[in-house]
PDB file of N, CA and C in Angstrom:
ATOM      1  N   UNK A   1      93.431 104.137 165.007  1.00  0.00           N
ATOM      2  CA  UNK A   1      93.118 103.959 166.413  1.00  0.00           C
ATOM      3  C   UNK A   1      91.820 103.178 166.540  1.00  0.00           C
ATOM      4  N   UNK A   2      91.811 102.208 167.443  1.00  0.00           N
ATOM      5  CA  UNK A   2      90.636 101.367 167.664  1.00  0.00           C
ATOM      6  C   UNK A   2      89.625 102.121 168.517  1.00  0.00           C
ATOM      7  N   UNK A   3      88.355 101.817 168.292  1.00  0.00           N
ATOM      8  CA  UNK A   3      87.291 102.437 169.086  1.00  0.00           C
ATOM      9  C   UNK A   3      87.294 101.843 170.484  1.00  0.00           C
ATOM     10  N   UNK A   4      87.003 102.671 171.456  1.00  0.00           N
ATOM     11  CA  UNK A   4      86.977 102.225 172.851  1.00  0.00           C
ATOM     12  C   UNK A   4      85.724 101.414 173.132  1.00  0.00           C
ATOM     13  N   UNK A   5      85.850 100.318 173.867  1.00  0.00           N
ATOM     14  CA  UNK A   5      84.711  99.473 174.222  1.00  0.00           C
ATOM     15  C   UNK A   5      84.349  99.620 175.688  1.00  0.00           C
ATOM     16  N   UNK A   6      84.802 100.635 176.344  1.00  0.00           N
ATOM     17  CA  UNK A   6      84.487 100.801 177.758  1.00  0.00           C
ATOM     18  C   UNK A   6      85.517 100.075 178.599  1.00  0.00           C
ATOM     19  N   UNK A   7      85.190  99.800 179.835  1.00  0.00           N
ATOM     20  CA  UNK A   7      86.109  99.187 180.786  1.00  0.00           C
ATOM     21  C   UNK A   7      86.522  97.804 180.312  1.00  0.00           C
ATOM     22  N   UNK A   8      87.749  97.672 179.915  1.00  0.00           N
ATOM     23  CA  UNK A   8      88.362  96.413 179.504  1.00  0.00           C
ATOM     24  C   UNK A   8      87.552  95.678 178.441  1.00  0.00           C
ATOM     25  N   UNK A   9      86.773  96.397 177.615  1.00  0.00           N
ATOM     26  CA  UNK A   9      86.032  95.785 176.527  1.00  0.00           C
ATOM     27  C   UNK A   9      84.850  94.932 176.973  1.00  0.00           C
ATOM     28  N   UNK A  10      84.444  95.053 178.221  1.00  0.00           N
ATOM     29  CA  UNK A  10      83.337  94.238 178.740  1.00  0.00           C
ATOM     30  C   UNK A  10      82.020  94.663 178.112  1.00  0.00           C
ATOM     31  N   UNK A  11      81.188  93.679 177.861  1.00  0.00           N
ATOM     32  CA  UNK A  11      79.854  93.967 177.326  1.00  0.00           C
ATOM     33  C   UNK A  11      78.900  94.255 178.474  1.00  0.00           C
ATOM     34  N   UNK A  12      77.996  95.175 178.253  1.00  0.00           N
ATOM     35  CA  UNK A  12      76.988  95.480 179.257  1.00  0.00           C
ATOM     36  C   UNK A  12      75.880  94.443 179.132  1.00  0.00           C
ATOM     37  N   UNK A  13      75.493  93.804 180.248  1.00  0.00           N
ATOM     38  CA  UNK A  13      74.412  92.816 180.157  1.00  0.00           C
ATOM     39  C   UNK A  13      73.099  93.494 179.802  1.00  0.00           C
ATOM     40  N   UNK A  14      72.195  92.747 179.146  1.00  0.00           N
ATOM     41  CA  UNK A  14      70.907  93.351 178.803  1.00  0.00           C
ATOM     42  C   UNK A  14      70.141  93.708 180.070  1.00  0.00           C
ATOM     43  N   UNK A  15      69.293  94.736 180.000  1.00  0.00           N
ATOM     44  CA  UNK A  15      68.532  95.125 181.192  1.00  0.00           C
ATOM     45  C   UNK A  15      67.560  94.028 181.597  1.00  0.00           C
ATOM     46  N   UNK A  16      67.335  93.904 182.885  1.00  0.00           N
ATOM     47  CA  UNK A  16      66.367  92.945 183.401  1.00  0.00           C
ATOM     48  C   UNK A  16      64.981  93.523 183.171  1.00  0.00           C
ATOM     49  N   UNK A  17      64.068  92.722 182.584  1.00  0.00           N
ATOM     50  CA  UNK A  17      62.723  93.260 182.345  1.00  0.00           C
ATOM     51  C   UNK A  17      62.057  93.666 183.656  1.00  0.00           C
ATOM     52  N   UNK A  18      61.338  94.773 183.602  1.00  0.00           N
ATOM     53  CA  UNK A  18      60.626  95.248 184.795  1.00  0.00           C
ATOM     54  C   UNK A  18      59.457  94.315 185.082  1.00  0.00           C
ATOM     55  N   UNK A  19      59.121  94.167 186.340  1.00  0.00           N
ATOM     56  CA  UNK A  19      57.979  93.341 186.725  1.00  0.00           C
ATOM     57  C   UNK A  19      56.705  94.049 186.261  1.00  0.00           C
ATOM     58  N   UNK A  20      55.757  93.292 185.666  1.00  0.00           N
ATOM     59  CA  UNK A  20      54.515  93.920 185.213  1.00  0.00           C
ATOM     60  C   UNK A  20      53.803  94.652 186.353  1.00  0.00           C
ATOM     61  N   UNK A  21      53.037  95.672 185.994  1.00  0.00           N
ATOM     62  CA  UNK A  21      52.342  96.481 186.987  1.00  0.00           C
ATOM     63  C   UNK A  21      51.330  95.674 187.780  1.00  0.00           C
ATOM     64  N   UNK A  22      50.716  94.683 187.152  1.00  0.00           N
ATOM     65  CA  UNK A  22      49.700  93.889 187.828  1.00  0.00           C
ATOM     66  C   UNK A  22      50.304  92.706 188.556  1.00  0.00           C
ATOM     67  N   UNK A  23      49.461  91.768 188.897  1.00  0.00           N
ATOM     68  CA  UNK A  23      49.915  90.578 189.611  1.00  0.00           C
ATOM     69  C   UNK A  23      50.283  89.461 188.658  1.00  0.00           C
ATOM     70  N   UNK A  24      49.750  88.305 188.929  1.00  0.00           N
ATOM     71  CA  UNK A  24      50.050  87.103 188.166  1.00  0.00           C
ATOM     72  C   UNK A  24      49.341  87.134 186.809  1.00  0.00           C
ATOM     73  N   UNK A  25      49.984  86.588 185.801  1.00  0.00           N
ATOM     74  CA  UNK A  25      49.391  86.494 184.480  1.00  0.00           C
ATOM     75  C   UNK A  25      48.348  85.371 184.472  1.00  0.00           C
ATOM     76  N   UNK A  26      47.133  85.687 183.985  1.00  0.00           N
ATOM     77  CA  UNK A  26      46.038  84.721 183.985  1.00  0.00           C
ATOM     78  C   UNK A  26      45.410  84.630 182.599  1.00  0.00           C
ATOM     79  N   UNK A  27      44.889  83.429 182.234  1.00  0.00           N
ATOM     80  CA  UNK A  27      44.200  83.327 180.944  1.00  0.00           C
ATOM     81  C   UNK A  27      42.847  84.026 181.009  1.00  0.00           C
ATOM     82  N   UNK A  28      42.552  84.826 179.987  1.00  0.00           N
ATOM     83  CA  UNK A  28      41.286  85.558 179.907  1.00  0.00           C
ATOM     84  C   UNK A  28      40.682  85.264 178.535  1.00  0.00           C
ATOM     85  N   UNK A  29      39.422  84.798 178.530  1.00  0.00           N
ATOM     86  CA  UNK A  29      38.767  84.517 177.260  1.00  0.00           C
ATOM     87  C   UNK A  29      37.897  85.694 176.845  1.00  0.00           C
ATOM     88  N   UNK A  30      38.089  86.134 175.609  1.00  0.00           N
ATOM     89  CA  UNK A  30      37.257  87.168 175.006  1.00  0.00           C
ATOM     90  C   UNK A  30      36.320  86.468 174.028  1.00  0.00           C
ATOM     91  N   UNK A  31      35.040  86.836 174.034  1.00  0.00           N
ATOM     92  CA  UNK A  31      34.075  86.253 173.100  1.00  0.00           C
ATOM     93  C   UNK A  31      33.283  87.364 172.435  1.00  0.00           C
ATOM     94  N   UNK A  32      32.895  87.118 171.192  1.00  0.00           N
ATOM     95  CA  UNK A  32      32.092  88.085 170.438  1.00  0.00           C
ATOM     96  C   UNK A  32      31.116  87.298 169.578  1.00  0.00           C
ATOM     97  N   UNK A  33      29.827  87.572 169.737  1.00  0.00           N
ATOM     98  CA  UNK A  33      28.811  86.877 168.959  1.00  0.00           C
ATOM     99  C   UNK A  33      28.463  87.667 167.706  1.00  0.00           C
ATOM    100  N   UNK A  34      28.882  87.131 166.568  1.00  0.00           N
ATOM    101  CA  UNK A  34      28.571  87.709 165.264  1.00  0.00           C
ATOM    102  C   UNK A  34      28.781  86.602 164.232  1.00  0.00           C
ATOM    103  N   UNK A  35      27.806  85.669 164.140  1.00  0.00           N
ATOM    104  CA  UNK A  35      27.980  84.520 163.253  1.00  0.00           C
ATOM    105  C   UNK A  35      28.137  84.879 161.775  1.00  0.00           C
ATOM    106  N   UNK A  36      27.643  86.053 161.362  1.00  0.00           N
ATOM    107  CA  UNK A  36      27.748  86.446 159.951  1.00  0.00           C
ATOM    108  C   UNK A  36      29.111  87.047 159.603  1.00  0.00           C
ATOM    109  N   UNK A  37      29.915  87.368 160.590  1.00  0.00           N
ATOM    110  CA  UNK A  37      31.235  87.968 160.321  1.00  0.00           C
ATOM    111  C   UNK A  37      32.157  86.946 159.667  1.00  0.00           C
ATOM    112  N   UNK A  38      32.975  87.407 158.747  1.00  0.00           N
ATOM    113  CA  UNK A  38      33.967  86.552 158.094  1.00  0.00           C
ATOM    114  C   UNK A  38      35.297  86.588 158.834  1.00  0.00           C
ATOM    115  N   UNK A  39      35.477  87.633 159.659  1.00  0.00           N
ATOM    116  CA  UNK A  39      36.717  87.818 160.416  1.00  0.00           C
ATOM    117  C   UNK A  39      36.401  88.723 161.597  1.00  0.00           C
ATOM    118  N   UNK A  40      36.992  88.433 162.755  1.00  0.00           N
ATOM    119  CA  UNK A  40      36.848  89.299 163.932  1.00  0.00           C
ATOM    120  C   UNK A  40      38.218  89.432 164.579  1.00  0.00           C
ATOM    121  N   UNK A  41      38.578  90.654 164.929  1.00  0.00           N
ATOM    122  CA  UNK A  41      39.847  90.924 165.604  1.00  0.00           C
ATOM    123  C   UNK A  41      39.581  91.549 166.968  1.00  0.00           C
ATOM    124  N   UNK A  42      40.388  91.167 167.940  1.00  0.00           N
ATOM    125  CA  UNK A  42      40.394  91.823 169.236  1.00  0.00           C
ATOM    126  C   UNK A  42      41.371  92.981 169.126  1.00  0.00           C
ATOM    127  N   UNK A  43      40.942  94.180 169.511  1.00  0.00           N
ATOM    128  CA  UNK A  43      41.797  95.370 169.443  1.00  0.00           C
ATOM    129  C   UNK A  43      42.048  95.909 170.845  1.00  0.00           C
ATOM    130  N   UNK A  44      43.289  96.292 171.123  1.00  0.00           N
ATOM    131  CA  UNK A  44      43.607  96.887 172.412  1.00  0.00           C
ATOM    132  C   UNK A  44      45.073  97.243 172.502  1.00  0.00           C
ATOM    133  N   UNK A  45      45.397  98.306 173.238  1.00  0.00           N
ATOM    134  CA  UNK A  45      46.795  98.733 173.366  1.00  0.00           C
ATOM    135  C   UNK A  45      47.661  97.730 174.113  1.00  0.00           C
ATOM    136  N   UNK A  46      47.056  96.773 174.814  1.00  0.00           N
ATOM    137  CA  UNK A  46      47.814  95.746 175.537  1.00  0.00           C
ATOM    138  C   UNK A  46      48.325  94.656 174.603  1.00  0.00           C
ATOM    139  N   UNK A  47      47.911  94.665 173.344  1.00  0.00           N
ATOM    140  CA  UNK A  47      48.366  93.683 172.359  1.00  0.00           C
ATOM    141  C   UNK A  47      49.585  94.228 171.620  1.00  0.00           C
ATOM    142  N   UNK A  48      50.636  94.472 172.365  1.00  0.00           N
ATOM    143  CA  UNK A  48      51.824  95.148 171.850  1.00  0.00           C
ATOM    144  C   UNK A  48      52.529  94.324 170.767  1.00  0.00           C
ATOM    145  N   UNK A  49      52.699  93.046 170.998  1.00  0.00           N
ATOM    146  CA  UNK A  49      53.469  92.208 170.065  1.00  0.00           C
ATOM    147  C   UNK A  49      52.796  92.024 168.718  1.00  0.00           C
ATOM    148  N   UNK A  50      51.492  92.239 168.662  1.00  0.00           N
ATOM    149  CA  UNK A  50      50.773  92.047 167.403  1.00  0.00           C
ATOM    150  C   UNK A  50      50.245  93.363 166.835  1.00  0.00           C
ATOM    151  N   UNK A  51      50.827  94.475 167.246  1.00  0.00           N
ATOM    152  CA  UNK A  51      50.461  95.773 166.695  1.00  0.00           C
ATOM    153  C   UNK A  51      49.085  96.266 167.101  1.00  0.00           C
ATOM    154  N   UNK A  52      48.574  95.805 168.244  1.00  0.00           N
ATOM    155  CA  UNK A  52      47.295  96.291 168.742  1.00  0.00           C
ATOM    156  C   UNK A  52      46.081  95.508 168.277  1.00  0.00           C
ATOM    157  N   UNK A  53      46.290  94.443 167.485  1.00  0.00           N
ATOM    158  CA  UNK A  53      45.171  93.636 167.000  1.00  0.00           C
ATOM    159  C   UNK A  53      45.563  92.163 166.992  1.00  0.00           C
ATOM    160  N   UNK A  54      44.579  91.310 167.282  1.00  0.00           N
ATOM    161  CA  UNK A  54      44.831  89.867 167.268  1.00  0.00           C
ATOM    162  C   UNK A  54      43.587  89.178 166.717  1.00  0.00           C
ATOM    163  N   UNK A  55      43.758  88.315 165.689  1.00  0.00           N
ATOM    164  CA  UNK A  55      42.604  87.630 165.110  1.00  0.00           C
ATOM    165  C   UNK A  55      41.978  86.636 166.088  1.00  0.00           C
ATOM    166  N   UNK A  56      40.654  86.529 166.012  1.00  0.00           N
ATOM    167  CA  UNK A  56      39.912  85.598 166.858  1.00  0.00           C
ATOM    168  C   UNK A  56      39.526  84.376 166.019  1.00  0.00           C
ATOM    169  N   UNK A  57      39.050  83.325 166.698  1.00  0.00           N
ATOM    170  CA  UNK A  57      38.688  82.083 166.034  1.00  0.00           C
ATOM    171  C   UNK A  57      37.206  81.803 166.247  1.00  0.00           C
ATOM    172  N   UNK A  58      36.532  81.347 165.190  1.00  0.00           N
ATOM    173  CA  UNK A  58      35.095  81.086 165.240  1.00  0.00           C
ATOM    174  C   UNK A  58      34.851  79.636 165.651  1.00  0.00           C
ATOM    175  N   UNK A  59      34.017  79.440 166.689  1.00  0.00           N
ATOM    176  CA  UNK A  59      33.712  78.077 167.117  1.00  0.00           C
ATOM    177  C   UNK A  59      32.533  77.519 166.306  1.00  0.00           C
ATOM    178  N   UNK A  60      32.150  76.287 166.587  1.00  0.00           N
ATOM    179  CA  UNK A  60      31.100  75.606 165.813  1.00  0.00           C
ATOM    180  C   UNK A  60      29.726  76.256 165.970  1.00  0.00           C
ATOM    181  N   UNK A  61      29.531  77.079 167.004  1.00  0.00           N
ATOM    182  CA  UNK A  61      28.252  77.757 167.233  1.00  0.00           C
ATOM    183  C   UNK A  61      28.245  79.183 166.667  1.00  0.00           C
ATOM    184  N   UNK A  62      29.336  79.578 165.999  1.00  0.00           N
ATOM    185  CA  UNK A  62      29.400  80.909 165.403  1.00  0.00           C
ATOM    186  C   UNK A  62      29.879  81.995 166.343  1.00  0.00           C
ATOM    187  N   UNK A  63      30.394  81.613 167.527  1.00  0.00           N
ATOM    188  CA  UNK A  63      30.916  82.587 168.489  1.00  0.00           C
ATOM    189  C   UNK A  63      32.415  82.723 168.272  1.00  0.00           C
ATOM    190  N   UNK A  64      32.876  83.957 168.197  1.00  0.00           N
ATOM    191  CA  UNK A  64      34.301  84.229 168.012  1.00  0.00           C
ATOM    192  C   UNK A  64      34.972  84.236 169.374  1.00  0.00           C
ATOM    193  N   UNK A  65      36.103  83.544 169.501  1.00  0.00           N
ATOM    194  CA  UNK A  65      36.791  83.384 170.787  1.00  0.00           C
ATOM    195  C   UNK A  65      38.286  83.621 170.643  1.00  0.00           C
ATOM    196  N   UNK A  66      38.864  84.095 171.747  1.00  0.00           N
ATOM    197  CA  UNK A  66      40.317  84.236 171.833  1.00  0.00           C
ATOM    198  C   UNK A  66      40.687  84.270 173.307  1.00  0.00           C
ATOM    199  N   UNK A  67      41.642  83.444 173.692  1.00  0.00           N
ATOM    200  CA  UNK A  67      42.134  83.440 175.063  1.00  0.00           C
ATOM    201  C   UNK A  67      43.562  83.953 175.059  1.00  0.00           C
ATOM    202  N   UNK A  68      43.825  84.971 175.871  1.00  0.00           N
ATOM    203  CA  UNK A  68      45.178  85.512 176.007  1.00  0.00           C
ATOM    204  C   UNK A  68      45.491  85.666 177.492  1.00  0.00           C
ATOM    205  N   UNK A  69      46.759  85.740 177.818  1.00  0.00           N
ATOM    206  CA  UNK A  69      47.181  85.919 179.207  1.00  0.00           C
ATOM    207  C   UNK A  69      47.348  87.400 179.505  1.00  0.00           C
ATOM    208  N   UNK A  70      46.707  87.847 180.598  1.00  0.00           N
ATOM    209  CA  UNK A  70      46.798  89.238 181.042  1.00  0.00           C
ATOM    210  C   UNK A  70      47.147  89.260 182.523  1.00  0.00           C
ATOM    211  N   UNK A  71      47.747  90.341 182.963  1.00  0.00           N
ATOM    212  CA  UNK A  71      48.126  90.480 184.372  1.00  0.00           C
ATOM    213  C   UNK A  71      46.906  90.770 185.232  1.00  0.00           C
ATOM    214  N   UNK A  72      46.812  90.071 186.368  1.00  0.00           N
ATOM    215  CA  UNK A  72      45.692  90.294 187.272  1.00  0.00           C
ATOM    216  C   UNK A  72      45.872  91.625 188.001  1.00  0.00           C
ATOM    217  N   UNK A  73      44.755  92.173 188.462  1.00  0.00           N
ATOM    218  CA  UNK A  73      44.789  93.446 189.175  1.00  0.00           C
ATOM    219  C   UNK A  73      44.847  94.651 188.255  1.00  0.00           C
ATOM    220  N   UNK A  74      44.604  94.448 186.964  1.00  0.00           N
ATOM    221  CA  UNK A  74      44.683  95.528 185.981  1.00  0.00           C
ATOM    222  C   UNK A  74      43.366  95.556 185.199  1.00  0.00           C
ATOM    223  N   UNK A  75      42.914  96.759 184.830  1.00  0.00           N
ATOM    224  CA  UNK A  75      41.758  96.906 183.955  1.00  0.00           C
ATOM    225  C   UNK A  75      42.261  97.232 182.556  1.00  0.00           C
ATOM    226  N   UNK A  76      41.850  96.436 181.590  1.00  0.00           N
ATOM    227  CA  UNK A  76      42.243  96.617 180.192  1.00  0.00           C
ATOM    228  C   UNK A  76      41.040  97.129 179.410  1.00  0.00           C
ATOM    229  N   UNK A  77      41.289  97.933 178.389  1.00  0.00           N
ATOM    230  CA  UNK A  77      40.212  98.420 177.521  1.00  0.00           C
ATOM    231  C   UNK A  77      40.413  97.818 176.138  1.00  0.00           C
ATOM    232  N   UNK A  78      39.323  97.331 175.568  1.00  0.00           N
ATOM    233  CA  UNK A  78      39.395  96.643 174.290  1.00  0.00           C
ATOM    234  C   UNK A  78      38.141  96.916 173.475  1.00  0.00           C
ATOM    235  N   UNK A  79      38.185  96.519 172.225  1.00  0.00           N
ATOM    236  CA  UNK A  79      37.013  96.535 171.355  1.00  0.00           C
ATOM    237  C   UNK A  79      37.194  95.440 170.320  1.00  0.00           C
ATOM    238  N   UNK A  80      36.116  95.119 169.621  1.00  0.00           N
ATOM    239  CA  UNK A  80      36.164  94.130 168.565  1.00  0.00           C
ATOM    240  C   UNK A  80      36.016  94.823 167.220  1.00  0.00           C
ATOM    241  N   UNK A  81      36.674  94.264 166.214  1.00  0.00           N
ATOM    242  CA  UNK A  81      36.528  94.723 164.835  1.00  0.00           C
ATOM    243  C   UNK A  81      36.008  93.532 164.035  1.00  0.00           C
ATOM    244  N   UNK A  82      34.778  93.639 163.537  1.00  0.00           N
ATOM    245  CA  UNK A  82      34.182  92.573 162.731  1.00  0.00           C
ATOM    246  C   UNK A  82      34.232  92.977 161.264  1.00  0.00           C
ATOM    247  N   UNK A  83      34.563  91.999 160.422  1.00  0.00           N
ATOM    248  CA  UNK A  83      34.636  92.233 158.978  1.00  0.00           C
ATOM    249  C   UNK A  83      33.590  91.346 158.315  1.00  0.00           C
ATOM    250  N   UNK A  84      32.688  91.967 157.523  1.00  0.00           N
ATOM    251  CA  UNK A  84      31.643  91.180 156.866  1.00  0.00           C
ATOM    252  C   UNK A  84      32.138  90.608 155.532  1.00  0.00           C
ATOM    253  N   UNK A  85      31.244  89.901 154.834  1.00  0.00           N
ATOM    254  CA  UNK A  85      31.626  89.234 153.579  1.00  0.00           C
ATOM    255  C   UNK A  85      31.986  90.211 152.462  1.00  0.00           C
ATOM    256  N   UNK A  86      31.615  91.483 152.620  1.00  0.00           N
ATOM    257  CA  UNK A  86      31.950  92.506 151.626  1.00  0.00           C
ATOM    258  C   UNK A  86      33.222  93.275 151.994  1.00  0.00           C
ATOM    259  N   UNK A  87      33.851  92.896 153.106  1.00  0.00           N
ATOM    260  CA  UNK A  87      35.077  93.567 153.542  1.00  0.00           C
ATOM    261  C   UNK A  87      34.829  94.807 154.382  1.00  0.00           C
ATOM    262  N   UNK A  88      33.558  95.080 154.699  1.00  0.00           N
ATOM    263  CA  UNK A  88      33.226  96.257 155.513  1.00  0.00           C
ATOM    264  C   UNK A  88      33.572  95.967 156.973  1.00  0.00           C
ATOM    265  N   UNK A  89      34.293  96.915 157.604  1.00  0.00           N
ATOM    266  CA  UNK A  89      34.725  96.762 158.994  1.00  0.00           C
ATOM    267  C   UNK A  89      33.794  97.525 159.928  1.00  0.00           C
ATOM    268  N   UNK A  90      33.471  96.882 161.059  1.00  0.00           N
ATOM    269  CA  UNK A  90      32.593  97.506 162.050  1.00  0.00           C
ATOM    270  C   UNK A  90      33.270  97.370 163.415  1.00  0.00           C
ATOM    271  N   UNK A  91      33.400  98.499 164.119  1.00  0.00           N
ATOM    272  CA  UNK A  91      34.010  98.495 165.452  1.00  0.00           C
ATOM    273  C   UNK A  91      32.937  98.547 166.533  1.00  0.00           C
ATOM    274  N   UNK A  92      33.158  97.798 167.602  1.00  0.00           N
ATOM    275  CA  UNK A  92      32.272  97.886 168.757  1.00  0.00           C
ATOM    276  C   UNK A  92      32.739  99.037 169.631  1.00  0.00           C
ATOM    277  N   UNK A  93      31.913  99.386 170.607  1.00  0.00           N
ATOM    278  CA  UNK A  93      32.305 100.392 171.597  1.00  0.00           C
ATOM    279  C   UNK A  93      33.469  99.853 172.429  1.00  0.00           C
ATOM    280  N   UNK A  94      34.276 100.765 172.970  1.00  0.00           N
ATOM    281  CA  UNK A  94      35.369 100.360 173.855  1.00  0.00           C
ATOM    282  C   UNK A  94      34.777  99.799 175.138  1.00  0.00           C
ATOM    283  N   UNK A  95      35.339  98.676 175.617  1.00  0.00           N
ATOM    284  CA  UNK A  95      34.835  98.017 176.815  1.00  0.00           C
ATOM    285  C   UNK A  95      35.975  97.783 177.792  1.00  0.00           C
ATOM    286  N   UNK A  96      35.666  97.813 179.099  1.00  0.00           N
ATOM    287  CA  UNK A  96      36.699  97.486 180.092  1.00  0.00           C
ATOM    288  C   UNK A  96      36.698  95.997 180.419  1.00  0.00           C
ATOM    289  N   UNK A  97      37.854  95.472 180.727  1.00  0.00           N
ATOM    290  CA  UNK A  97      37.996  94.085 181.206  1.00  0.00           C
ATOM    291  C   UNK A  97      38.904  94.136 182.411  1.00  0.00           C
ATOM    292  N   UNK A  98      38.354  93.859 183.588  1.00  0.00           N
ATOM    293  CA  UNK A  98      39.163  93.841 184.803  1.00  0.00           C
ATOM    294  C   UNK A  98      39.556  92.400 185.081  1.00  0.00           C
ATOM    295  N   UNK A  99      40.853  92.179 185.247  1.00  0.00           N
ATOM    296  CA  UNK A  99      41.357  90.839 185.542  1.00  0.00           C
ATOM    297  C   UNK A  99      41.563  90.749 187.049  1.00  0.00           C
ATOM    298  N   UNK A 100      40.782  89.891 187.683  1.00  0.00           N
ATOM    299  CA  UNK A 100      40.833  89.772 189.141  1.00  0.00           C
ATOM    300  C   UNK A 100      41.941  88.826 189.587  1.00  0.00           C
ATOM    301  N   UNK A 101      42.566  89.129 190.724  1.00  0.00           N
ATOM    302  CA  UNK A 101      43.631  88.249 191.234  1.00  0.00           C
ATOM    303  C   UNK A 101      43.118  86.874 191.601  1.00  0.00           C
TER     304      UNK A 101
END
């Protein structure tokens, strides 16, 4: 006996993604000054696709930068993780970032 596929074997369409809680998605730049760091990561629960962490990039002045899109009208909490030349990791305090509409 064949397994039942529901009404006439029709496939159920994928669910429509819910609209984000905030407003429009806007670019937000995060910066961290630590020229001696060999690596800096932005940490936050809003970085779902990258497991809560995203590497930053060091500019020519030694400032670590990362621009990501976040929903306006929402306050996000984040921190930085800096890694020195010996591999020692240092976390900053948790900070709020409010994205204005």
